[in-house]
Amino acid sequence: MAFTTKRTILFGDCDPAGIVYTPRIAHFVVEAVHEFLTHILGGSGIRALFAMNILPPARALSIEFLATMAWDDIIELEVDCTEIKTTSFTFAVLARNHLNDVTFRATLTQVCVSPETKRPIAMPESLRRALSTARNN
């Protein structure tokens, strides 16, 4: 079962015409994934990853824009963990507006990196379990 969160488009997210700046969408994706991690890890998601002694940099981010978003729009973001590998994990994010139209689709892949060596390391078992459980529900 997917995790869902909502976000209101703020004035600062938009250009002078009131339409969302393209780079802000990447921020929306990362925010939604962090909320998903917080949900499945039972506390601040990023702090929980740090406590597992991993850094979670992005390896890949892809966004497909499908409908305009404007100031004061409320979007619903659905997050699913779609892939779990040895050192990385991938999320799909789907955003919908109040009419239930899909406004964008995105994928984000993050890598488990050692804070000491800055090299990929095996995913901690506790993270693998949490992601697997979320993926299978």
Protein backbone atom coordinates (compact mmCIF):
# COMPACT_ATOMS: atom_id res chain seq x y z
CA MET A 1 0.00 0.00 0.00
CA ALA A 2 1.34 3.42 -0.94
CA PHE A 3 2.08 6.19 1.53
CA THR A 4 0.23 9.45 0.80
CA THR A 5 0.92 13.01 1.88
CA LYS A 6 -0.39 16.42 0.81
CA ARG A 7 1.36 19.64 -0.03
CA THR A 8 0.06 23.13 -0.74
CA ILE A 9 1.85 24.98 -3.54
CA LEU A 10 3.28 28.13 -1.97
CA PHE A 11 3.83 31.50 -3.62
CA GLY A 12 7.59 30.99 -3.25
CA ASP A 13 7.34 27.74 -5.27
CA CYS A 14 6.11 29.68 -8.29
CA ASP A 15 7.33 32.01 -11.00
CA PRO A 16 5.77 35.50 -11.41
CA ALA A 17 2.91 33.96 -13.42
CA GLY A 18 2.00 31.76 -10.45
CA ILE A 19 3.13 28.46 -12.03
CA VAL A 20 5.47 26.12 -10.14
CA TYR A 21 9.17 26.51 -10.97
CA THR A 22 10.38 23.25 -12.50
CA PRO A 23 13.23 22.72 -9.97
CA ARG A 24 10.75 22.90 -7.08
CA ILE A 25 9.22 19.61 -8.24
CA ALA A 26 12.48 17.84 -7.33
CA HIS A 27 12.16 19.32 -3.84
CA PHE A 28 8.55 18.07 -3.58
CA VAL A 29 9.74 14.55 -4.52
CA VAL A 30 12.52 14.54 -1.94
CA GLU A 31 10.19 15.93 0.77
CA ALA A 32 7.59 13.23 0.06
CA VAL A 33 10.23 10.46 0.17
CA HIS A 34 11.54 11.84 3.49
CA GLU A 35 8.00 11.76 4.88
CA PHE A 36 7.62 8.18 3.66
CA LEU A 37 10.89 7.21 5.40
CA THR A 38 9.73 8.94 8.59
CA HIS A 39 6.49 6.95 8.39
CA ILE A 40 8.13 3.54 7.93
CA LEU A 41 11.05 4.13 10.32
CA GLY A 42 8.93 5.54 13.15
CA GLY A 43 10.67 8.88 13.58
CA SER A 44 12.67 11.36 11.58
CA GLY A 45 13.52 9.34 8.46
CA ILE A 46 16.79 11.04 7.66
CA ARG A 47 17.97 10.99 11.30
CA ALA A 48 17.11 7.27 11.38
CA LEU A 49 19.28 6.67 8.30
CA PHE A 50 22.14 8.62 9.92
CA ALA A 51 21.69 6.50 13.07
CA MET A 52 22.13 3.42 10.83
CA ASN A 53 25.48 4.96 9.86
CA ILE A 54 24.52 5.63 6.24
CA LEU A 55 24.20 8.73 4.10
CA PRO A 56 21.42 8.57 1.48
CA PRO A 57 22.52 10.63 -1.55
CA ALA A 58 20.43 10.50 -4.71
CA ARG A 59 21.82 8.46 -7.57
CA ALA A 60 19.00 9.16 -10.01
CA LEU A 61 15.98 11.42 -10.26
CA SER A 62 13.50 11.39 -13.12
CA ILE A 63 10.40 13.57 -13.41
CA GLU A 64 7.65 13.54 -16.03
CA PHE A 65 5.48 16.67 -16.01
CA LEU A 66 1.83 16.06 -16.91
CA ALA A 67 -0.24 19.03 -15.69
CA THR A 68 0.34 22.58 -14.49
CA MET A 69 0.47 23.31 -10.78
CA ALA A 70 -0.15 26.82 -9.49
CA TRP A 71 -0.06 28.87 -6.31
CA ASP A 72 -2.50 27.59 -3.63
CA ASP A 73 -3.11 24.27 -5.41
CA ILE A 74 -3.08 21.30 -3.07
CA ILE A 75 -1.41 18.21 -4.45
CA GLU A 76 -1.53 14.70 -3.07
CA LEU A 77 1.74 12.79 -3.35
CA GLU A 78 1.69 9.01 -3.34
CA VAL A 79 5.02 7.31 -2.55
CA ASP A 80 5.88 3.65 -3.16
CA CYS A 81 9.15 1.81 -2.71
CA THR A 82 9.55 0.07 -6.06
CA GLU A 83 13.00 -1.51 -5.88
CA ILE A 84 15.37 -2.64 -3.15
CA LYS A 85 18.90 -3.64 -4.15
CA THR A 86 22.11 -4.41 -2.28
CA THR A 87 23.17 -0.78 -1.81
CA SER A 88 20.26 1.24 -3.20
CA PHE A 89 16.52 1.73 -3.04
CA THR A 90 14.08 3.37 -5.46
CA PHE A 91 10.81 5.21 -4.95
CA ALA A 92 7.99 6.11 -7.32
CA VAL A 93 6.15 9.34 -6.57
CA LEU A 94 2.83 10.21 -8.20
CA ALA A 95 1.22 13.63 -7.65
CA ARG A 96 -2.44 14.45 -8.22
CA ASN A 97 -4.37 17.72 -8.04
CA HIS A 98 -7.81 18.35 -6.54
CA LEU A 99 -9.43 17.07 -9.76
CA ASN A 100 -7.49 13.79 -9.36
CA ASP A 101 -5.45 14.60 -12.48
CA VAL A 102 -1.85 13.36 -12.35
CA THR A 103 0.39 16.46 -12.30
CA PHE A 104 3.73 14.63 -12.34
CA ARG A 105 5.37 11.23 -11.98
CA ALA A 106 8.84 10.80 -10.55
CA THR A 107 11.35 8.18 -9.53
CA LEU A 108 14.13 8.71 -7.02
CA THR A 109 16.93 6.25 -6.35
CA GLN A 110 19.06 6.67 -3.24
CA VAL A 111 22.28 4.87 -2.34
CA CYS A 112 23.53 3.72 1.07
CA VAL A 113 26.90 5.45 1.46
CA SER A 114 29.42 5.18 4.30
CA PRO A 115 29.94 8.50 6.10
CA GLU A 116 33.62 7.60 6.51
CA THR A 117 34.60 6.40 3.04
CA LYS A 118 31.84 8.09 0.99
CA ARG A 119 31.53 4.77 -0.90
CA PRO A 120 28.42 2.60 -1.34
CA ILE A 121 27.85 0.02 1.39
CA ALA A 122 25.37 -2.78 1.93
CA MET A 123 21.95 -1.66 3.06
CA PRO A 124 21.41 -2.15 6.80
CA GLU A 125 19.05 -5.05 7.49
CA SER A 126 16.69 -2.83 9.53
CA LEU A 127 16.23 -0.50 6.54
CA ARG A 128 15.77 -3.44 4.16
CA ARG A 129 13.06 -4.89 6.45
CA ALA A 130 11.23 -1.56 6.75
CA LEU A 131 11.29 -0.96 2.99
CA SER A 132 10.25 -4.55 2.25
CA THR A 133 7.37 -4.38 4.72
CA ALA A 134 6.15 -1.09 3.23
CA ARG A 135 6.48 -2.51 -0.27
CA ASN A 136 4.49 -5.65 0.54
CA ASN A 137 1.59 -3.92 2.35
